Amino acid sequence: MLKNNADIVSSYKKMIKKEDIFLITKEFFYALTVALVLFFIMELVWPRMVLAYINVNMVLIFWVVSATILLASNKRL
């Protein structure tokens, strides 16, 4: 039987909790932090190795955005 839109939205709200979003954001932040540290070490060992292939600016932007979301959601929990 087909559900109406309100039932679908309420079922998604039950499935995705704020704690789950907080955990996903935290893991994403940790992964980006490790990536930035590895990129920094690789640049020290082999100069221009990372910058020639990867746009580190976008990684830094995603890192700052995820840190901001993490801090904002941590205060609400």
PDB file of N, CA and C in Angstrom:
ATOM      1  N   MET A   1       0.836  -1.181   0.000  1.00  0.00           N
ATOM      2  CA  MET A   1       0.000   0.000   0.000  1.00  0.00           C
ATOM      3  C   MET A   1       0.883   1.247   0.000  1.00  0.00           C
ATOM      4  N   LEU A   2       0.530   2.209  -0.801  1.00  0.00           N
ATOM      5  CA  LEU A   2       1.312   3.429  -0.900  1.00  0.00           C
ATOM      6  C   LEU A   2       1.060   4.325   0.298  1.00  0.00           C
ATOM      7  N   LYS A   3       2.132   4.925   0.782  1.00  0.00           N
ATOM      8  CA  LYS A   3       2.015   5.848   1.904  1.00  0.00           C
ATOM      9  C   LYS A   3       1.948   7.275   1.368  1.00  0.00           C
ATOM     10  N   ASN A   4       1.343   8.133   2.145  1.00  0.00           N
ATOM     11  CA  ASN A   4       1.337   9.532   1.732  1.00  0.00           C
ATOM     12  C   ASN A   4       2.653  10.186   2.159  1.00  0.00           C
ATOM     13  N   ASN A   5       2.865  11.413   1.737  1.00  0.00           N
ATOM     14  CA  ASN A   5       4.135  12.100   1.984  1.00  0.00           C
ATOM     15  C   ASN A   5       4.417  12.305   3.465  1.00  0.00           C
ATOM     16  N   ALA A   6       3.424  12.551   4.268  1.00  0.00           N
ATOM     17  CA  ALA A   6       3.630  12.771   5.696  1.00  0.00           C
ATOM     18  C   ALA A   6       4.157  11.508   6.366  1.00  0.00           C
ATOM     19  N   ASP A   7       3.648  10.342   5.951  1.00  0.00           N
ATOM     20  CA  ASP A   7       4.135   9.087   6.521  1.00  0.00           C
ATOM     21  C   ASP A   7       5.587   8.826   6.124  1.00  0.00           C
ATOM     22  N   ILE A   8       5.935   9.163   4.898  1.00  0.00           N
ATOM     23  CA  ILE A   8       7.304   8.950   4.433  1.00  0.00           C
ATOM     24  C   ILE A   8       8.271   9.859   5.184  1.00  0.00           C
ATOM     25  N   VAL A   9       7.886  11.125   5.354  1.00  0.00           N
ATOM     26  CA  VAL A   9       8.748  12.067   6.074  1.00  0.00           C
ATOM     27  C   VAL A   9       8.908  11.646   7.523  1.00  0.00           C
ATOM     28  N   SER A  10       7.846  11.227   8.158  1.00  0.00           N
ATOM     29  CA  SER A  10       7.954  10.816   9.561  1.00  0.00           C
ATOM     30  C   SER A  10       8.785   9.547   9.711  1.00  0.00           C
ATOM     31  N   SER A  11       8.723   8.646   8.736  1.00  0.00           N
ATOM     32  CA  SER A  11       9.541   7.446   8.823  1.00  0.00           C
ATOM     33  C   SER A  11      11.023   7.777   8.646  1.00  0.00           C
ATOM     34  N   TYR A  12      11.345   8.742   7.782  1.00  0.00           N
ATOM     35  CA  TYR A  12      12.742   9.162   7.632  1.00  0.00           C
ATOM     36  C   TYR A  12      13.234   9.855   8.895  1.00  0.00           C
ATOM     37  N   LYS A  13      12.375  10.626   9.537  1.00  0.00           N
ATOM     38  CA  LYS A  13      12.780  11.286  10.785  1.00  0.00           C
ATOM     39  C   LYS A  13      13.077  10.263  11.872  1.00  0.00           C
ATOM     40  N   LYS A  14      12.354   9.164  11.855  1.00  0.00           N
ATOM     41  CA  LYS A  14      12.624   8.115  12.824  1.00  0.00           C
ATOM     42  C   LYS A  14      13.934   7.404  12.519  1.00  0.00           C
ATOM     43  N   MET A  15      14.245   7.243  11.233  1.00  0.00           N
ATOM     44  CA  MET A  15      15.452   6.519  10.845  1.00  0.00           C
ATOM     45  C   MET A  15      16.713   7.354  11.053  1.00  0.00           C
ATOM     46  N   ILE A  16      16.671   8.640  10.713  1.00  0.00           N
ATOM     47  CA  ILE A  16      17.840   9.503  10.814  1.00  0.00           C
ATOM     48  C   ILE A  16      17.669  10.396  12.041  1.00  0.00           C
ATOM     49  N   LYS A  17      18.546  10.192  12.999  1.00  0.00           N
ATOM     50  CA  LYS A  17      18.496  10.983  14.226  1.00  0.00           C
ATOM     51  C   LYS A  17      19.608  12.018  14.200  1.00  0.00           C
ATOM     52  N   LYS A  18      19.514  12.993  15.084  1.00  0.00           N
ATOM     53  CA  LYS A  18      20.541  14.023  15.163  1.00  0.00           C
ATOM     54  C   LYS A  18      21.882  13.435  15.570  1.00  0.00           C
ATOM     55  N   GLU A  19      21.852  12.419  16.407  1.00  0.00           N
ATOM     56  CA  GLU A  19      23.097  11.792  16.834  1.00  0.00           C
ATOM     57  C   GLU A  19      23.797  11.111  15.656  1.00  0.00           C
ATOM     58  N   ASP A  20      23.002  10.552  14.739  1.00  0.00           N
ATOM     59  CA  ASP A  20      23.580   9.911  13.561  1.00  0.00           C
ATOM     60  C   ASP A  20      24.263  10.933  12.653  1.00  0.00           C
ATOM     61  N   ILE A  21      23.613  12.065  12.459  1.00  0.00           N
ATOM     62  CA  ILE A  21      24.205  13.125  11.638  1.00  0.00           C
ATOM     63  C   ILE A  21      25.465  13.655  12.300  1.00  0.00           C
ATOM     64  N   PHE A  22      25.444  13.778  13.625  1.00  0.00           N
ATOM     65  CA  PHE A  22      26.624  14.216  14.363  1.00  0.00           C
ATOM     66  C   PHE A  22      27.778  13.225  14.170  1.00  0.00           C
ATOM     67  N   LEU A  23      27.496  11.931  14.242  1.00  0.00           N
ATOM     68  CA  LEU A  23      28.544  10.927  14.075  1.00  0.00           C
ATOM     69  C   LEU A  23      29.100  10.916  12.651  1.00  0.00           C
ATOM     70  N   ILE A  24      28.235  11.062  11.661  1.00  0.00           N
ATOM     71  CA  ILE A  24      28.688  11.098  10.270  1.00  0.00           C
ATOM     72  C   ILE A  24      29.570  12.316  10.024  1.00  0.00           C
ATOM     73  N   THR A  25      29.161  13.464  10.542  1.00  0.00           N
ATOM     74  CA  THR A  25      29.949  14.682  10.390  1.00  0.00           C
ATOM     75  C   THR A  25      31.293  14.553  11.100  1.00  0.00           C
ATOM     76  N   LYS A  26      31.290  13.937  12.271  1.00  0.00           N
ATOM     77  CA  LYS A  26      32.534  13.760  13.017  1.00  0.00           C
ATOM     78  C   LYS A  26      33.504  12.855  12.260  1.00  0.00           C
ATOM     79  N   GLU A  27      33.010  11.761  11.697  1.00  0.00           N
ATOM     80  CA  GLU A  27      33.867  10.863  10.931  1.00  0.00           C
ATOM     81  C   GLU A  27      34.388  11.535   9.663  1.00  0.00           C
ATOM     82  N   PHE A  28      33.546  12.322   9.014  1.00  0.00           N
ATOM     83  CA  PHE A  28      33.966  13.072   7.829  1.00  0.00           C
ATOM     84  C   PHE A  28      35.063  14.071   8.188  1.00  0.00           C
ATOM     85  N   PHE A  29      34.921  14.740   9.336  1.00  0.00           N
ATOM     86  CA  PHE A  29      35.929  15.683   9.810  1.00  0.00           C
ATOM     87  C   PHE A  29      37.241  14.967  10.103  1.00  0.00           C
ATOM     88  N   TYR A  30      37.169  13.818  10.747  1.00  0.00           N
ATOM     89  CA  TYR A  30      38.385  13.050  11.047  1.00  0.00           C
ATOM     90  C   TYR A  30      39.079  12.605   9.763  1.00  0.00           C
ATOM     91  N   ALA A  31      38.331  12.147   8.794  1.00  0.00           N
ATOM     92  CA  ALA A  31      38.913  11.701   7.527  1.00  0.00           C
ATOM     93  C   ALA A  31      39.596  12.862   6.799  1.00  0.00           C
ATOM     94  N   LEU A  32      38.954  14.024   6.797  1.00  0.00           N
ATOM     95  CA  LEU A  32      39.558  15.185   6.147  1.00  0.00           C
ATOM     96  C   LEU A  32      40.802  15.657   6.893  1.00  0.00           C
ATOM     97  N   THR A  33      40.792  15.561   8.214  1.00  0.00           N
ATOM     98  CA  THR A  33      41.964  15.948   8.996  1.00  0.00           C
ATOM     99  C   THR A  33      43.145  15.032   8.695  1.00  0.00           C
ATOM    100  N   VAL A  34      42.895  13.742   8.636  1.00  0.00           N
ATOM    101  CA  VAL A  34      43.960  12.790   8.300  1.00  0.00           C
ATOM    102  C   VAL A  34      44.470  13.048   6.886  1.00  0.00           C
ATOM    103  N   ALA A  35      43.573  13.328   5.961  1.00  0.00           N
ATOM    104  CA  ALA A  35      43.981  13.611   4.582  1.00  0.00           C
ATOM    105  C   ALA A  35      44.855  14.858   4.521  1.00  0.00           C
ATOM    106  N   LEU A  36      44.478  15.896   5.240  1.00  0.00           N
ATOM    107  CA  LEU A  36      45.284  17.113   5.232  1.00  0.00           C
ATOM    108  C   LEU A  36      46.664  16.884   5.831  1.00  0.00           C
ATOM    109  N   VAL A  37      46.749  16.111   6.901  1.00  0.00           N
ATOM    110  CA  VAL A  37      48.040  15.805   7.509  1.00  0.00           C
ATOM    111  C   VAL A  37      48.904  14.997   6.538  1.00  0.00           C
ATOM    112  N   LEU A  38      48.306  14.009   5.879  1.00  0.00           N
ATOM    113  CA  LEU A  38      49.054  13.220   4.899  1.00  0.00           C
ATOM    114  C   LEU A  38      49.524  14.069   3.717  1.00  0.00           C
ATOM    115  N   PHE A  39      48.673  14.962   3.246  1.00  0.00           N
ATOM    116  CA  PHE A  39      49.063  15.848   2.161  1.00  0.00           C
ATOM    117  C   PHE A  39      50.229  16.742   2.578  1.00  0.00           C
ATOM    118  N   PHE A  40      50.175  17.238   3.805  1.00  0.00           N
ATOM    119  CA  PHE A  40      51.251  18.091   4.307  1.00  0.00           C
ATOM    120  C   PHE A  40      52.570  17.322   4.382  1.00  0.00           C
ATOM    121  N   ILE A  41      52.534  16.109   4.896  1.00  0.00           N
ATOM    122  CA  ILE A  41      53.743  15.285   4.989  1.00  0.00           C
ATOM    123  C   ILE A  41      54.277  14.948   3.600  1.00  0.00           C
ATOM    124  N   MET A  42      53.380  14.633   2.668  1.00  0.00           N
ATOM    125  CA  MET A  42      53.820  14.318   1.311  1.00  0.00           C
ATOM    126  C   MET A  42      54.460  15.536   0.635  1.00  0.00           C
ATOM    127  N   GLU A  43      53.933  16.721   0.909  1.00  0.00           N
ATOM    128  CA  GLU A  43      54.526  17.931   0.342  1.00  0.00           C
ATOM    129  C   GLU A  43      55.902  18.201   0.943  1.00  0.00           C
ATOM    130  N   LEU A  44      56.101  17.844   2.202  1.00  0.00           N
ATOM    131  CA  LEU A  44      57.424  18.012   2.795  1.00  0.00           C
ATOM    132  C   LEU A  44      58.432  17.045   2.193  1.00  0.00           C
ATOM    133  N   VAL A  45      58.002  15.820   1.935  1.00  0.00           N
ATOM    134  CA  VAL A  45      58.904  14.802   1.397  1.00  0.00           C
ATOM    135  C   VAL A  45      59.153  15.027  -0.086  1.00  0.00           C
ATOM    136  N   TRP A  46      58.089  15.183  -0.862  1.00  0.00           N
ATOM    137  CA  TRP A  46      58.183  15.410  -2.309  1.00  0.00           C
ATOM    138  C   TRP A  46      57.510  16.740  -2.633  1.00  0.00           C
ATOM    139  N   PRO A  47      58.280  17.813  -2.769  1.00  0.00           N
ATOM    140  CA  PRO A  47      57.669  19.124  -3.059  1.00  0.00           C
ATOM    141  C   PRO A  47      56.882  19.109  -4.370  1.00  0.00           C
ATOM    142  N   ARG A  48      55.735  19.772  -4.350  1.00  0.00           N
ATOM    143  CA  ARG A  48      54.811  19.915  -5.490  1.00  0.00           C
ATOM    144  C   ARG A  48      54.176  18.606  -5.929  1.00  0.00           C
ATOM    145  N   MET A  49      54.293  17.561  -5.116  1.00  0.00           N
ATOM    146  CA  MET A  49      53.696  16.268  -5.471  1.00  0.00           C
ATOM    147  C   MET A  49      52.169  16.324  -5.335  1.00  0.00           C
ATOM    148  N   VAL A  50      51.685  16.840  -4.231  1.00  0.00           N
ATOM    149  CA  VAL A  50      50.242  16.878  -3.986  1.00  0.00           C
ATOM    150  C   VAL A  50      49.591  18.011  -4.766  1.00  0.00           C
ATOM    151  N   LEU A  51      50.208  19.157  -4.747  1.00  0.00           N
ATOM    152  CA  LEU A  51      49.602  20.327  -5.387  1.00  0.00           C
ATOM    153  C   LEU A  51      49.467  20.177  -6.899  1.00  0.00           C
ATOM    154  N   ALA A  52      50.257  19.319  -7.488  1.00  0.00           N
ATOM    155  CA  ALA A  52      50.156  19.096  -8.931  1.00  0.00           C
ATOM    156  C   ALA A  52      48.912  18.291  -9.305  1.00  0.00           C
ATOM    157  N   TYR A  53      48.396  17.493  -8.373  1.00  0.00           N
ATOM    158  CA  TYR A  53      47.276  16.592  -8.699  1.00  0.00           C
ATOM    159  C   TYR A  53      45.988  16.878  -7.930  1.00  0.00           C
ATOM    160  N   ILE A  54      46.083  17.474  -6.768  1.00  0.00           N
ATOM    161  CA  ILE A  54      44.901  17.649  -5.913  1.00  0.00           C
ATOM    162  C   ILE A  54      44.736  19.121  -5.572  1.00  0.00           C
ATOM    163  N   ASN A  55      43.512  19.610  -5.668  1.00  0.00           N
ATOM    164  CA  ASN A  55      43.201  20.968  -5.259  1.00  0.00           C
ATOM    165  C   ASN A  55      42.958  20.968  -3.748  1.00  0.00           C
ATOM    166  N   VAL A  56      43.960  21.356  -2.994  1.00  0.00           N
ATOM    167  CA  VAL A  56      43.890  21.311  -1.535  1.00  0.00           C
ATOM    168  C   VAL A  56      42.935  22.382  -1.000  1.00  0.00           C
ATOM    169  N   ASN A  57      42.683  23.422  -1.778  1.00  0.00           N
ATOM    170  CA  ASN A  57      41.756  24.466  -1.337  1.00  0.00           C
ATOM    171  C   ASN A  57      40.359  23.904  -1.074  1.00  0.00           C
ATOM    172  N   MET A  58      39.905  23.023  -1.950  1.00  0.00           N
ATOM    173  CA  MET A  58      38.579  22.435  -1.762  1.00  0.00           C
ATOM    174  C   MET A  58      38.548  21.537  -0.525  1.00  0.00           C
ATOM    175  N   VAL A  59      39.629  20.820  -0.276  1.00  0.00           N
ATOM    176  CA  VAL A  59      39.700  19.979   0.919  1.00  0.00           C
ATOM    177  C   VAL A  59      39.652  20.848   2.168  1.00  0.00           C
ATOM    178  N   LEU A  60      40.368  21.969   2.143  1.00  0.00           N
ATOM    179  CA  LEU A  60      40.338  22.886   3.284  1.00  0.00           C
ATOM    180  C   LEU A  60      38.957  23.493   3.494  1.00  0.00           C
ATOM    181  N   ILE A  61      38.280  23.826   2.413  1.00  0.00           N
ATOM    182  CA  ILE A  61      36.928  24.382   2.538  1.00  0.00           C
ATOM    183  C   ILE A  61      35.981  23.346   3.137  1.00  0.00           C
ATOM    184  N   PHE A  62      36.028  22.099   2.641  1.00  0.00           N
ATOM    185  CA  PHE A  62      35.186  21.052   3.211  1.00  0.00           C
ATOM    186  C   PHE A  62      35.535  20.789   4.671  1.00  0.00           C
ATOM    187  N   TRP A  63      36.820  20.886   5.009  1.00  0.00           N
ATOM    188  CA  TRP A  63      37.262  20.676   6.383  1.00  0.00           C
ATOM    189  C   TRP A  63      36.696  21.756   7.313  1.00  0.00           C
ATOM    190  N   VAL A  64      36.742  23.016   6.879  1.00  0.00           N
ATOM    191  CA  VAL A  64      36.209  24.116   7.693  1.00  0.00           C
ATOM    192  C   VAL A  64      34.695  24.002   7.830  1.00  0.00           C
ATOM    193  N   VAL A  65      34.016  23.658   6.754  1.00  0.00           N
ATOM    194  CA  VAL A  65      32.554  23.511   6.809  1.00  0.00           C
ATOM    195  C   VAL A  65      32.168  22.368   7.738  1.00  0.00           C
ATOM    196  N   SER A  66      32.849  21.244   7.649  1.00  0.00           N
ATOM    197  CA  SER A  66      32.520  20.121   8.528  1.00  0.00           C
ATOM    198  C   SER A  66      32.848  20.443   9.981  1.00  0.00           C
ATOM    199  N   ALA A  67      33.918  21.197  10.221  1.00  0.00           N
ATOM    200  CA  ALA A  67      34.245  21.604  11.598  1.00  0.00           C
ATOM    201  C   ALA A  67      33.182  22.540  12.152  1.00  0.00           C
ATOM    202  N   THR A  68      32.686  23.437  11.318  1.00  0.00           N
ATOM    203  CA  THR A  68      31.637  24.359  11.752  1.00  0.00           C
ATOM    204  C   THR A  68      30.347  23.615  12.076  1.00  0.00           C
ATOM    205  N   ILE A  69      29.975  22.693  11.226  1.00  0.00           N
ATOM    206  CA  ILE A  69      28.770  21.889  11.480  1.00  0.00           C
ATOM    207  C   ILE A  69      28.942  21.053  12.739  1.00  0.00           C
ATOM    208  N   LEU A  70      30.124  20.506  12.917  1.00  0.00           N
ATOM    209  CA  LEU A  70      30.407  19.685  14.091  1.00  0.00           C
ATOM    210  C   LEU A  70      30.305  20.500  15.374  1.00  0.00           C
ATOM    211  N   LEU A  71      30.871  21.687  15.374  1.00  0.00           N
ATOM    212  CA  LEU A  71      30.801  22.539  16.553  1.00  0.00           C
ATOM    213  C   LEU A  71      29.382  23.026  16.832  1.00  0.00           C
ATOM    214  N   ALA A  72      28.655  23.368  15.782  1.00  0.00           N
ATOM    215  CA  ALA A  72      27.276  23.831  15.965  1.00  0.00           C
ATOM    216  C   ALA A  72      26.374  22.714  16.468  1.00  0.00           C
ATOM    217  N   SER A  73      26.544  21.515  15.953  1.00  0.00           N
ATOM    218  CA  SER A  73      25.686  20.421  16.389  1.00  0.00           C
ATOM    219  C   SER A  73      26.093  19.896  17.757  1.00  0.00           C
ATOM    220  N   ASN A  74      27.356  20.081  18.132  1.00  0.00           N
ATOM    221  CA  ASN A  74      27.814  19.638  19.445  1.00  0.00           C
ATOM    222  C   ASN A  74      27.183  20.484  20.548  1.00  0.00           C
ATOM    223  N   LYS A  75      26.971  21.772  20.299  1.00  0.00           N
ATOM    224  CA  LYS A  75      26.343  22.645  21.288  1.00  0.00           C
ATOM    225  C   LYS A  75      24.867  22.313  21.469  1.00  0.00           C
ATOM    226  N   ARG A  76      24.226  21.858  20.420  1.00  0.00           N
ATOM    227  CA  ARG A  76      22.787  21.538  20.491  1.00  0.00           C
ATOM    228  C   ARG A  76      22.523  20.228  21.189  1.00  0.00           C
ATOM    229  N   LEU A  77      23.463  19.282  21.101  1.00  0.00           N
ATOM    230  CA  LEU A  77      23.265  17.986  21.744  1.00  0.00           C
ATOM    231  C   LEU A  77      23.478  18.148  23.187  1.00  0.00           C
TER     232      LEU A  77
END
